[in-house]
Each structure stands twice: as C-alpha cells, then as structure tokens.
Amino acid sequence: MNNMKTITLKSTGAALEVNIGFLPSKVEIVNASNGCKADWSSGMATGEFIKTTLSATTLETTNGIAHTSQGVAGVAQTASKGITLGAAADINDAVGEDLIVHAWE
C-alpha cells in the first residue's frame, strides 16, 4: 500500500461514483456528519464491510463493498479507476452529509 488518496464529497443517498485514479486494495469511508465509518479491504467477501457507529462495530454483508466485477452494489472498483459507493446505512443513506474517502492502492 504505497499510494494513498483522500477525497471529500457529499453523500447522495444513492450510488455515487468516485474517481480515485487507481483501484484500491483498502478503503475507509468516514461520514463526518454522524461519526460513522466503513472499512473494506480486498480480502473481504463480496458485499462485506465493517461498520463502526458511535454505539457498535458490526460486520455488514449487504449494500457494502465489493469489486464491480462481482456485481454487488456498495463500494465497487470501476474501470475508471475509482469506487462506487452504495447507499449503505449510516454511511451514504442521506443527502448532503460530509464524506471522507481514504483509499490505498
């Protein structure tokens, strides 16, 4: 993981494409508006991510993080060398919240 990029954007409540410039092996998404965080790495099963809220840390298995080639909504690697962020609860399920995406190659 030599290359790292941070991008800030607003949540949309729907799938959101983020051009990073490389296909990440690890992604951390922080919702700065509510303090929730999603963590994903390339070794995780399709659609999974670890969600941390103010009250709990859980393994989420739907609307999560996966490569586009696996056909799962969530955070997926795209041909444009970025990710697609799905409408994961507490992360991108509302409009206009501040998101910080950290991605490692």
PDB file of N, CA and C in Angstrom:
ATOM      1  N   MET A   1       0.834  -1.182   0.000  1.00  0.00           N
ATOM      2  CA  MET A   1       0.000   0.000   0.000  1.00  0.00           C
ATOM      3  C   MET A   1       0.879   1.247   0.000  1.00  0.00           C
ATOM      4  N   ASN A   2       1.492   1.515  -1.135  1.00  0.00           N
ATOM      5  CA  ASN A   2       2.381   2.660  -1.244  1.00  0.00           C
ATOM      6  C   ASN A   2       1.657   3.945  -1.598  1.00  0.00           C
ATOM      7  N   ASN A   3       0.547   3.852  -2.317  1.00  0.00           N
ATOM      8  CA  ASN A   3      -0.168   5.022  -2.798  1.00  0.00           C
ATOM      9  C   ASN A   3      -1.451   5.193  -2.002  1.00  0.00           C
ATOM     10  N   MET A   4      -1.695   6.409  -1.481  1.00  0.00           N
ATOM     11  CA  MET A   4      -2.901   6.689  -0.698  1.00  0.00           C
ATOM     12  C   MET A   4      -3.492   8.003  -1.191  1.00  0.00           C
ATOM     13  N   LYS A   5      -4.823   8.046  -1.243  1.00  0.00           N
ATOM     14  CA  LYS A   5      -5.502   9.258  -1.686  1.00  0.00           C
ATOM     15  C   LYS A   5      -6.702   9.510  -0.776  1.00  0.00           C
ATOM     16  N   THR A   6      -6.954  10.788  -0.482  1.00  0.00           N
ATOM     17  CA  THR A   6      -8.105  11.195   0.312  1.00  0.00           C
ATOM     18  C   THR A   6      -8.972  12.122  -0.527  1.00  0.00           C
ATOM     19  N   ILE A   7     -10.280  11.841  -0.529  1.00  0.00           N
ATOM     20  CA  ILE A   7     -11.242  12.629  -1.294  1.00  0.00           C
ATOM     21  C   ILE A   7     -12.389  13.003  -0.363  1.00  0.00           C
ATOM     22  N   THR A   8     -12.857  14.229  -0.431  1.00  0.00           N
ATOM     23  CA  THR A   8     -14.028  14.650   0.335  1.00  0.00           C
ATOM     24  C   THR A   8     -15.172  14.907  -0.642  1.00  0.00           C
ATOM     25  N   LEU A   9     -16.376  14.542  -0.216  1.00  0.00           N
ATOM     26  CA  LEU A   9     -17.559  14.721  -1.049  1.00  0.00           C
ATOM     27  C   LEU A   9     -18.802  14.721  -0.175  1.00  0.00           C
ATOM     28  N   LYS A  10     -19.943  14.950  -0.786  1.00  0.00           N
ATOM     29  CA  LYS A  10     -21.236  14.947  -0.096  1.00  0.00           C
ATOM     30  C   LYS A  10     -21.978  13.654  -0.407  1.00  0.00           C
ATOM     31  N   SER A  11     -22.654  13.123   0.592  1.00  0.00           N
ATOM     32  CA  SER A  11     -23.461  11.913   0.389  1.00  0.00           C
ATOM     33  C   SER A  11     -24.660  12.239  -0.488  1.00  0.00           C
ATOM     34  N   THR A  12     -25.176  11.194  -1.162  1.00  0.00           N
ATOM     35  CA  THR A  12     -26.299  11.389  -2.084  1.00  0.00           C
ATOM     36  C   THR A  12     -27.513  10.539  -1.732  1.00  0.00           C
ATOM     37  N   GLY A  13     -27.333   9.535  -0.888  1.00  0.00           N
ATOM     38  CA  GLY A  13     -28.424   8.607  -0.599  1.00  0.00           C
ATOM     39  C   GLY A  13     -28.623   7.589  -1.708  1.00  0.00           C
ATOM     40  N   ALA A  14     -27.755   7.617  -2.695  1.00  0.00           N
ATOM     41  CA  ALA A  14     -27.799   6.680  -3.828  1.00  0.00           C
ATOM     42  C   ALA A  14     -26.359   6.377  -4.235  1.00  0.00           C
ATOM     43  N   ALA A  15     -26.200   5.413  -5.132  1.00  0.00           N
ATOM     44  CA  ALA A  15     -24.857   5.045  -5.588  1.00  0.00           C
ATOM     45  C   ALA A  15     -24.114   6.279  -6.097  1.00  0.00           C
ATOM     46  N   LEU A  16     -22.841   6.347  -5.758  1.00  0.00           N
ATOM     47  CA  LEU A  16     -22.029   7.522  -6.040  1.00  0.00           C
ATOM     48  C   LEU A  16     -20.671   7.065  -6.562  1.00  0.00           C
ATOM     49  N   GLU A  17     -20.293   7.497  -7.765  1.00  0.00           N
ATOM     50  CA  GLU A  17     -19.001   7.113  -8.333  1.00  0.00           C
ATOM     51  C   GLU A  17     -17.936   8.107  -7.904  1.00  0.00           C
ATOM     52  N   VAL A  18     -16.782   7.569  -7.477  1.00  0.00           N
ATOM     53  CA  VAL A  18     -15.667   8.398  -7.016  1.00  0.00           C
ATOM     54  C   VAL A  18     -14.417   8.005  -7.805  1.00  0.00           C
ATOM     55  N   ASN A  19     -13.869   8.927  -8.582  1.00  0.00           N
ATOM     56  CA  ASN A  19     -12.650   8.659  -9.332  1.00  0.00           C
ATOM     57  C   ASN A  19     -11.456   8.863  -8.411  1.00  0.00           C
ATOM     58  N   ILE A  20     -10.693   7.780  -8.174  1.00  0.00           N
ATOM     59  CA  ILE A  20      -9.534   7.836  -7.292  1.00  0.00           C
ATOM     60  C   ILE A  20      -8.242   7.902  -8.095  1.00  0.00           C
ATOM     61  N   GLY A  21      -8.209   7.256  -9.251  1.00  0.00           N
ATOM     62  CA  GLY A  21      -7.011   7.234 -10.075  1.00  0.00           C
ATOM     63  C   GLY A  21      -6.277   5.906 -10.014  1.00  0.00           C
ATOM     64  N   PHE A  22      -6.717   5.014  -9.127  1.00  0.00           N
ATOM     65  CA  PHE A  22      -6.177   3.659  -9.039  1.00  0.00           C
ATOM     66  C   PHE A  22      -7.250   2.764  -8.437  1.00  0.00           C
ATOM     67  N   LEU A  23      -7.067   1.457  -8.581  1.00  0.00           N
ATOM     68  CA  LEU A  23      -8.003   0.509  -7.982  1.00  0.00           C
ATOM     69  C   LEU A  23      -7.510   0.190  -6.571  1.00  0.00           C
ATOM     70  N   PRO A  24      -8.259   0.568  -5.553  1.00  0.00           N
ATOM     71  CA  PRO A  24      -7.781   0.419  -4.178  1.00  0.00           C
ATOM     72  C   PRO A  24      -7.830  -1.022  -3.669  1.00  0.00           C
ATOM     73  N   SER A  25      -6.898  -1.320  -2.765  1.00  0.00           N
ATOM     74  CA  SER A  25      -6.925  -2.604  -2.058  1.00  0.00           C
ATOM     75  C   SER A  25      -7.515  -2.430  -0.661  1.00  0.00           C
ATOM     76  N   LYS A  26      -7.606  -1.172  -0.206  1.00  0.00           N
ATOM     77  CA  LYS A  26      -8.209  -0.874   1.094  1.00  0.00           C
ATOM     78  C   LYS A  26      -8.915   0.464   0.974  1.00  0.00           C
ATOM     79  N   VAL A  27     -10.120   0.532   1.583  1.00  0.00           N
ATOM     80  CA  VAL A  27     -10.910   1.760   1.575  1.00  0.00           C
ATOM     81  C   VAL A  27     -11.459   2.005   2.969  1.00  0.00           C
ATOM     82  N   GLU A  28     -11.391   3.259   3.407  1.00  0.00           N
ATOM     83  CA  GLU A  28     -12.035   3.688   4.645  1.00  0.00           C
ATOM     84  C   GLU A  28     -12.898   4.894   4.285  1.00  0.00           C
ATOM     85  N   ILE A  29     -14.169   4.838   4.649  1.00  0.00           N
ATOM     86  CA  ILE A  29     -15.084   5.942   4.379  1.00  0.00           C
ATOM     87  C   ILE A  29     -15.617   6.433   5.712  1.00  0.00           C
ATOM     88  N   VAL A  30     -15.438   7.714   5.973  1.00  0.00           N
ATOM     89  CA  VAL A  30     -15.895   8.311   7.218  1.00  0.00           C
ATOM     90  C   VAL A  30     -17.024   9.277   6.890  1.00  0.00           C
ATOM     91  N   ASN A  31     -18.165   9.117   7.566  1.00  0.00           N
ATOM     92  CA  ASN A  31     -19.244  10.087   7.467  1.00  0.00           C
ATOM     93  C   ASN A  31     -18.992  11.093   8.583  1.00  0.00           C
ATOM     94  N   ALA A  32     -18.401  12.237   8.232  1.00  0.00           N
ATOM     95  CA  ALA A  32     -18.028  13.241   9.229  1.00  0.00           C
ATOM     96  C   ALA A  32     -19.239  13.917   9.854  1.00  0.00           C
ATOM     97  N   SER A  33     -20.407  13.781   9.242  1.00  0.00           N
ATOM     98  CA  SER A  33     -21.621  14.394   9.783  1.00  0.00           C
ATOM     99  C   SER A  33     -22.204  13.606  10.944  1.00  0.00           C
ATOM    100  N   ASN A  34     -21.991  12.270  10.953  1.00  0.00           N
ATOM    101  CA  ASN A  34     -22.573  11.463  12.034  1.00  0.00           C
ATOM    102  C   ASN A  34     -21.551  10.595  12.769  1.00  0.00           C
ATOM    103  N   GLY A  35     -20.287  10.626  12.353  1.00  0.00           N
ATOM    104  CA  GLY A  35     -19.244   9.889  13.046  1.00  0.00           C
ATOM    105  C   GLY A  35     -19.131   8.416  12.697  1.00  0.00           C
ATOM    106  N   CYS A  36     -19.892   7.936  11.721  1.00  0.00           N
ATOM    107  CA  CYS A  36     -19.847   6.518  11.336  1.00  0.00           C
ATOM    108  C   CYS A  36     -18.731   6.282  10.329  1.00  0.00           C
ATOM    109  N   LYS A  37     -18.249   5.020  10.287  1.00  0.00           N
ATOM    110  CA  LYS A  37     -17.127   4.679   9.421  1.00  0.00           C
ATOM    111  C   LYS A  37     -17.353   3.313   8.793  1.00  0.00           C
ATOM    112  N   ALA A  38     -16.919   3.168   7.538  1.00  0.00           N
ATOM    113  CA  ALA A  38     -16.951   1.883   6.844  1.00  0.00           C
ATOM    114  C   ALA A  38     -15.522   1.527   6.450  1.00  0.00           C
ATOM    115  N   ASP A  39     -15.121   0.285   6.723  1.00  0.00           N
ATOM    116  CA  ASP A  39     -13.791  -0.208   6.349  1.00  0.00           C
ATOM    117  C   ASP A  39     -13.942  -1.415   5.447  1.00  0.00           C
ATOM    118  N   TRP A  40     -13.136  -1.461   4.397  1.00  0.00           N
ATOM    119  CA  TRP A  40     -13.150  -2.574   3.460  1.00  0.00           C
ATOM    120  C   TRP A  40     -11.729  -2.856   3.007  1.00  0.00           C
ATOM    121  N   SER A  41     -11.406  -4.127   2.798  1.00  0.00           N
ATOM    122  CA  SER A  41     -10.140  -4.490   2.165  1.00  0.00           C
ATOM    123  C   SER A  41     -10.412  -5.589   1.150  1.00  0.00           C
ATOM    124  N   SER A  42      -9.522  -5.739   0.197  1.00  0.00           N
ATOM    125  CA  SER A  42      -9.754  -6.634  -0.928  1.00  0.00           C
ATOM    126  C   SER A  42      -9.915  -8.098  -0.527  1.00  0.00           C
ATOM    127  N   GLY A  43      -9.523  -8.491   0.656  1.00  0.00           N
ATOM    128  CA  GLY A  43      -9.681  -9.872   1.089  1.00  0.00           C
ATOM    129  C   GLY A  43     -11.050 -10.205   1.652  1.00  0.00           C
ATOM    130  N   MET A  44     -11.923  -9.215   1.780  1.00  0.00           N
ATOM    131  CA  MET A  44     -13.249  -9.449   2.354  1.00  0.00           C
ATOM    132  C   MET A  44     -14.192 -10.055   1.311  1.00  0.00           C
ATOM    133  N   ALA A  45     -15.204 -10.752   1.794  1.00  0.00           N
ATOM    134  CA  ALA A  45     -16.191 -11.375   0.907  1.00  0.00           C
ATOM    135  C   ALA A  45     -16.997 -10.295   0.179  1.00  0.00           C
ATOM    136  N   THR A  46     -17.570 -10.671  -0.947  1.00  0.00           N
ATOM    137  CA  THR A  46     -18.376  -9.761  -1.751  1.00  0.00           C
ATOM    138  C   THR A  46     -19.461  -9.094  -0.916  1.00  0.00           C
ATOM    139  N   GLY A  47     -19.520  -7.779  -0.964  1.00  0.00           N
ATOM    140  CA  GLY A  47     -20.558  -7.019  -0.287  1.00  0.00           C
ATOM    141  C   GLY A  47     -20.312  -6.721   1.174  1.00  0.00           C
ATOM    142  N   GLU A  48     -19.242  -7.226   1.742  1.00  0.00           N
ATOM    143  CA  GLU A  48     -18.989  -7.005   3.165  1.00  0.00           C
ATOM    144  C   GLU A  48     -18.227  -5.714   3.421  1.00  0.00           C
ATOM    145  N   PHE A  49     -18.456  -5.148   4.604  1.00  0.00           N
ATOM    146  CA  PHE A  49     -17.620  -4.073   5.129  1.00  0.00           C
ATOM    147  C   PHE A  49     -17.831  -4.038   6.636  1.00  0.00           C
ATOM    148  N   ILE A  50     -16.887  -3.473   7.329  1.00  0.00           N
ATOM    149  CA  ILE A  50     -17.003  -3.327   8.780  1.00  0.00           C
ATOM    150  C   ILE A  50     -17.498  -1.923   9.057  1.00  0.00           C
ATOM    151  N   LYS A  51     -18.653  -1.827   9.713  1.00  0.00           N
ATOM    152  CA  LYS A  51     -19.251  -0.527  10.024  1.00  0.00           C
ATOM    153  C   LYS A  51     -19.052  -0.219  11.497  1.00  0.00           C
ATOM    154  N   THR A  52     -18.533   0.972  11.768  1.00  0.00           N
ATOM    155  CA  THR A  52     -18.373   1.431  13.142  1.00  0.00           C
ATOM    156  C   THR A  52     -19.252   2.660  13.328  1.00  0.00           C
ATOM    157  N   THR A  53     -20.170   2.575  14.291  1.00  0.00           N
ATOM    158  CA  THR A  53     -21.019   3.710  14.649  1.00  0.00           C
ATOM    159  C   THR A  53     -20.601   4.173  16.044  1.00  0.00           C
ATOM    160  N   LEU A  54     -21.293   5.150  16.588  1.00  0.00           N
ATOM    161  CA  LEU A  54     -20.966   5.630  17.928  1.00  0.00           C
ATOM    162  C   LEU A  54     -21.256   4.586  18.995  1.00  0.00           C
ATOM    163  N   SER A  55     -22.109   3.597  18.675  1.00  0.00           N
ATOM    164  CA  SER A  55     -22.501   2.618  19.691  1.00  0.00           C
ATOM    165  C   SER A  55     -22.041   1.189  19.431  1.00  0.00           C
ATOM    166  N   ALA A  56     -21.591   0.860  18.204  1.00  0.00           N
ATOM    167  CA  ALA A  56     -21.248  -0.541  17.914  1.00  0.00           C
ATOM    168  C   ALA A  56     -20.358  -0.652  16.681  1.00  0.00           C
ATOM    169  N   THR A  57     -19.687  -1.798  16.588  1.00  0.00           N
ATOM    170  CA  THR A  57     -18.952  -2.178  15.391  1.00  0.00           C
ATOM    171  C   THR A  57     -19.548  -3.476  14.888  1.00  0.00           C
ATOM    172  N   THR A  58     -19.970  -3.504  13.619  1.00  0.00           N
ATOM    173  CA  THR A  58     -20.641  -4.676  13.064  1.00  0.00           C
ATOM    174  C   THR A  58     -20.071  -5.026  11.697  1.00  0.00           C
ATOM    175  N   LEU A  59     -20.202  -6.298  11.346  1.00  0.00           N
ATOM    176  CA  LEU A  59     -19.864  -6.752  10.001  1.00  0.00           C
ATOM    177  C   LEU A  59     -21.138  -6.685   9.171  1.00  0.00           C
ATOM    178  N   GLU A  60     -21.145  -5.833   8.162  1.00  0.00           N
ATOM    179  CA  GLU A  60     -22.301  -5.678   7.283  1.00  0.00           C
ATOM    180  C   GLU A  60     -22.080  -6.532   6.044  1.00  0.00           C
ATOM    181  N   THR A  61     -23.129  -7.166   5.565  1.00  0.00           N
ATOM    182  CA  THR A  61     -22.989  -8.068   4.420  1.00  0.00           C
ATOM    183  C   THR A  61     -23.831  -7.659   3.219  1.00  0.00           C
ATOM    184  N   THR A  62     -24.589  -6.566   3.320  1.00  0.00           N
ATOM    185  CA  THR A  62     -25.395  -6.098   2.191  1.00  0.00           C
ATOM    186  C   THR A  62     -25.111  -4.628   1.933  1.00  0.00           C
ATOM    187  N   ASN A  63     -25.295  -4.227   0.677  1.00  0.00           N
ATOM    188  CA  ASN A  63     -25.076  -2.849   0.238  1.00  0.00           C
ATOM    189  C   ASN A  63     -23.712  -2.341   0.677  1.00  0.00           C
ATOM    190  N   GLY A  64     -22.741  -3.246   0.627  1.00  0.00           N
ATOM    191  CA  GLY A  64     -21.424  -2.923   1.158  1.00  0.00           C
ATOM    192  C   GLY A  64     -20.400  -2.649   0.098  1.00  0.00           C
ATOM    193  N   ILE A  65     -19.276  -3.321   0.219  1.00  0.00           N
ATOM    194  CA  ILE A  65     -18.101  -3.012  -0.564  1.00  0.00           C
ATOM    195  C   ILE A  65     -17.655  -4.239  -1.348  1.00  0.00           C
ATOM    196  N   ALA A  66     -17.463  -4.081  -2.650  1.00  0.00           N
ATOM    197  CA  ALA A  66     -17.036  -5.200  -3.490  1.00  0.00           C
ATOM    198  C   ALA A  66     -16.485  -4.669  -4.796  1.00  0.00           C
ATOM    199  N   HIS A  67     -15.799  -5.513  -5.522  1.00  0.00           N
ATOM    200  CA  HIS A  67     -15.327  -5.147  -6.853  1.00  0.00           C
ATOM    201  C   HIS A  67     -16.506  -5.139  -7.817  1.00  0.00           C
ATOM    202  N   THR A  68     -16.504  -4.242  -8.775  1.00  0.00           N
ATOM    203  CA  THR A  68     -17.559  -4.170  -9.779  1.00  0.00           C
ATOM    204  C   THR A  68     -17.732  -5.495 -10.505  1.00  0.00           C
ATOM    205  N   SER A  69     -16.635  -6.192 -10.759  1.00  0.00           N
ATOM    206  CA  SER A  69     -16.710  -7.469 -11.490  1.00  0.00           C
ATOM    207  C   SER A  69     -17.528  -8.507 -10.750  1.00  0.00           C
ATOM    208  N   GLN A  70     -17.753  -8.309  -9.436  1.00  0.00           N
ATOM    209  CA  GLN A  70     -18.558  -9.243  -8.658  1.00  0.00           C
ATOM    210  C   GLN A  70     -20.033  -8.853  -8.667  1.00  0.00           C
ATOM    211  N   GLY A  71     -20.348  -7.703  -9.236  1.00  0.00           N
ATOM    212  CA  GLY A  71     -21.731  -7.309  -9.438  1.00  0.00           C
ATOM    213  C   GLY A  71     -22.515  -6.978  -8.187  1.00  0.00           C
ATOM    214  N   VAL A  72     -21.859  -6.458  -7.178  1.00  0.00           N
ATOM    215  CA  VAL A  72     -22.546  -6.151  -5.922  1.00  0.00           C
ATOM    216  C   VAL A  72     -22.549  -4.649  -5.718  1.00  0.00           C
ATOM    217  N   ALA A  73     -23.701  -4.100  -5.341  1.00  0.00           N
ATOM    218  CA  ALA A  73     -23.787  -2.669  -5.051  1.00  0.00           C
ATOM    219  C   ALA A  73     -23.004  -2.371  -3.788  1.00  0.00           C
ATOM    220  N   GLY A  74     -22.596  -1.141  -3.624  1.00  0.00           N
ATOM    221  CA  GLY A  74     -21.860  -0.744  -2.435  1.00  0.00           C
ATOM    222  C   GLY A  74     -20.641   0.035  -2.859  1.00  0.00           C
ATOM    223  N   VAL A  75     -19.502  -0.323  -2.371  1.00  0.00           N
ATOM    224  CA  VAL A  75     -18.271   0.274  -2.846  1.00  0.00           C
ATOM    225  C   VAL A  75     -17.645  -0.746  -3.766  1.00  0.00           C
ATOM    226  N   ALA A  76     -17.558  -0.410  -5.027  1.00  0.00           N
ATOM    227  CA  ALA A  76     -17.096  -1.370  -6.027  1.00  0.00           C
ATOM    228  C   ALA A  76     -16.015  -0.728  -6.873  1.00  0.00           C
ATOM    229  N   GLN A  77     -15.009  -1.496  -7.252  1.00  0.00           N
ATOM    230  CA  GLN A  77     -13.969  -0.964  -8.121  1.00  0.00           C
ATOM    231  C   GLN A  77     -14.541  -0.809  -9.520  1.00  0.00           C
ATOM    232  N   THR A  78     -14.216   0.306 -10.172  1.00  0.00           N
ATOM    233  CA  THR A  78     -14.743   0.584 -11.501  1.00  0.00           C
ATOM    234  C   THR A  78     -13.606   0.693 -12.506  1.00  0.00           C
ATOM    235  N   ALA A  79     -13.942   0.561 -13.769  1.00  0.00           N
ATOM    236  CA  ALA A  79     -12.951   0.653 -14.837  1.00  0.00           C
ATOM    237  C   ALA A  79     -12.305   2.036 -14.871  1.00  0.00           C
ATOM    238  N   SER A  80     -12.981   3.036 -14.325  1.00  0.00           N
ATOM    239  CA  SER A  80     -12.432   4.390 -14.319  1.00  0.00           C
ATOM    240  C   SER A  80     -11.430   4.596 -13.196  1.00  0.00           C
ATOM    241  N   LYS A  81     -10.986   3.512 -12.581  1.00  0.00           N
ATOM    242  CA  LYS A  81     -10.006   3.549 -11.503  1.00  0.00           C
ATOM    243  C   LYS A  81     -10.507   4.337 -10.308  1.00  0.00           C
ATOM    244  N   GLY A  82     -11.640   3.918  -9.814  1.00  0.00           N
ATOM    245  CA  GLY A  82     -12.214   4.533  -8.641  1.00  0.00           C
ATOM    246  C   GLY A  82     -13.115   3.548  -7.947  1.00  0.00           C
ATOM    247  N   ILE A  83     -14.067   4.066  -7.195  1.00  0.00           N
ATOM    248  CA  ILE A  83     -15.022   3.221  -6.484  1.00  0.00           C
ATOM    249  C   ILE A  83     -16.439   3.730  -6.721  1.00  0.00           C
ATOM    250  N   THR A  84     -17.374   2.832  -6.513  1.00  0.00           N
ATOM    251  CA  THR A  84     -18.780   3.211  -6.447  1.00  0.00           C
ATOM    252  C   THR A  84     -19.210   2.997  -5.007  1.00  0.00           C
ATOM    253  N   LEU A  85     -19.715   4.025  -4.399  1.00  0.00           N
ATOM    254  CA  LEU A  85     -20.185   3.958  -3.019  1.00  0.00           C
ATOM    255  C   LEU A  85     -21.697   3.806  -3.036  1.00  0.00           C
ATOM    256  N   GLY A  86     -22.191   2.702  -2.497  1.00  0.00           N
ATOM    257  CA  GLY A  86     -23.633   2.458  -2.446  1.00  0.00           C
ATOM    258  C   GLY A  86     -24.290   3.207  -1.303  1.00  0.00           C
ATOM    259  N   ALA A  87     -25.586   3.026  -1.148  1.00  0.00           N
ATOM    260  CA  ALA A  87     -26.370   3.725  -0.124  1.00  0.00           C
ATOM    261  C   ALA A  87     -26.367   2.955   1.194  1.00  0.00           C
ATOM    262  N   ALA A  88     -25.181   2.654   1.695  1.00  0.00           N
ATOM    263  CA  ALA A  88     -25.046   1.902   2.945  1.00  0.00           C
ATOM    264  C   ALA A  88     -25.598   2.712   4.120  1.00  0.00           C
ATOM    265  N   ALA A  89     -26.362   2.050   4.984  1.00  0.00           N
ATOM    266  CA  ALA A  89     -26.950   2.705   6.157  1.00  0.00           C
ATOM    267  C   ALA A  89     -25.865   3.359   7.000  1.00  0.00           C
ATOM    268  N   ASP A  90     -26.118   4.569   7.453  1.00  0.00           N
ATOM    269  CA  ASP A  90     -25.229   5.380   8.291  1.00  0.00           C
ATOM    270  C   ASP A  90     -24.015   5.929   7.554  1.00  0.00           C
ATOM    271  N   ILE A  91     -23.773   5.482   6.324  1.00  0.00           N
ATOM    272  CA  ILE A  91     -22.616   5.955   5.576  1.00  0.00           C
ATOM    273  C   ILE A  91     -23.061   6.884   4.440  1.00  0.00           C
ATOM    274  N   ASN A  92     -23.924   6.403   3.545  1.00  0.00           N
ATOM    275  CA  ASN A  92     -24.374   7.191   2.386  1.00  0.00           C
ATOM    276  C   ASN A  92     -25.871   7.016   2.181  1.00  0.00           C
ATOM    277  N   ASP A  93     -26.648   7.044   3.273  1.00  0.00           N
ATOM    278  CA  ASP A  93     -28.096   6.833   3.151  1.00  0.00           C
ATOM    279  C   ASP A  93     -28.896   8.128   3.259  1.00  0.00           C
ATOM    280  N   ALA A  94     -28.212   9.259   3.338  1.00  0.00           N
ATOM    281  CA  ALA A  94     -28.880  10.558   3.407  1.00  0.00           C
ATOM    282  C   ALA A  94     -28.223  11.479   2.383  1.00  0.00           C
ATOM    283  N   VAL A  95     -28.837  12.623   2.120  1.00  0.00           N
ATOM    284  CA  VAL A  95     -28.316  13.575   1.145  1.00  0.00           C
ATOM    285  C   VAL A  95     -27.585  14.706   1.867  1.00  0.00           C
ATOM    286  N   GLY A  96     -26.406  15.050   1.375  1.00  0.00           N
ATOM    287  CA  GLY A  96     -25.712  16.242   1.844  1.00  0.00           C
ATOM    288  C   GLY A  96     -24.816  16.083   3.056  1.00  0.00           C
ATOM    289  N   GLU A  97     -24.555  14.863   3.493  1.00  0.00           N
ATOM    290  CA  GLU A  97     -23.648  14.673   4.623  1.00  0.00           C
ATOM    291  C   GLU A  97     -22.204  14.674   4.119  1.00  0.00           C
ATOM    292  N   ASP A  98     -21.280  15.071   4.970  1.00  0.00           N
ATOM    293  CA  ASP A  98     -19.864  15.166   4.602  1.00  0.00           C
ATOM    294  C   ASP A  98     -19.196  13.785   4.679  1.00  0.00           C
ATOM    295  N   LEU A  99     -18.643  13.327   3.562  1.00  0.00           N
ATOM    296  CA  LEU A  99     -17.949  12.051   3.498  1.00  0.00           C
ATOM    297  C   LEU A  99     -16.473  12.289   3.212  1.00  0.00           C
ATOM    298  N   ILE A 100     -15.632  11.483   3.863  1.00  0.00           N
ATOM    299  CA  ILE A 100     -14.196  11.487   3.616  1.00  0.00           C
ATOM    300  C   ILE A 100     -13.820  10.078   3.193  1.00  0.00           C
ATOM    301  N   VAL A 101     -13.268   9.937   2.003  1.00  0.00           N
ATOM    302  CA  VAL A 101     -12.864   8.631   1.464  1.00  0.00           C
ATOM    303  C   VAL A 101     -11.345   8.561   1.483  1.00  0.00           C
ATOM    304  N   HIS A 102     -10.807   7.569   2.202  1.00  0.00           N
ATOM    305  CA  HIS A 102      -9.370   7.279   2.193  1.00  0.00           C
ATOM    306  C   HIS A 102      -9.208   5.987   1.415  1.00  0.00           C
ATOM    307  N   ALA A 103      -8.332   5.974   0.424  1.00  0.00           N
ATOM    308  CA  ALA A 103      -8.134   4.777  -0.388  1.00  0.00           C
ATOM    309  C   ALA A 103      -6.645   4.504  -0.533  1.00  0.00           C
ATOM    310  N   TRP A 104      -6.287   3.227  -0.398  1.00  0.00           N
ATOM    311  CA  TRP A 104      -4.901   2.784  -0.529  1.00  0.00           C
ATOM    312  C   TRP A 104      -4.795   1.825  -1.706  1.00  0.00           C
ATOM    313  N   GLU A 105      -3.761   1.982  -2.506  1.00  0.00           N
ATOM    314  CA  GLU A 105      -3.552   1.119  -3.662  1.00  0.00           C
ATOM    315  C   GLU A 105      -3.024  -0.242  -3.230  1.00  0.00           C
TER     316      GLU A 105
END
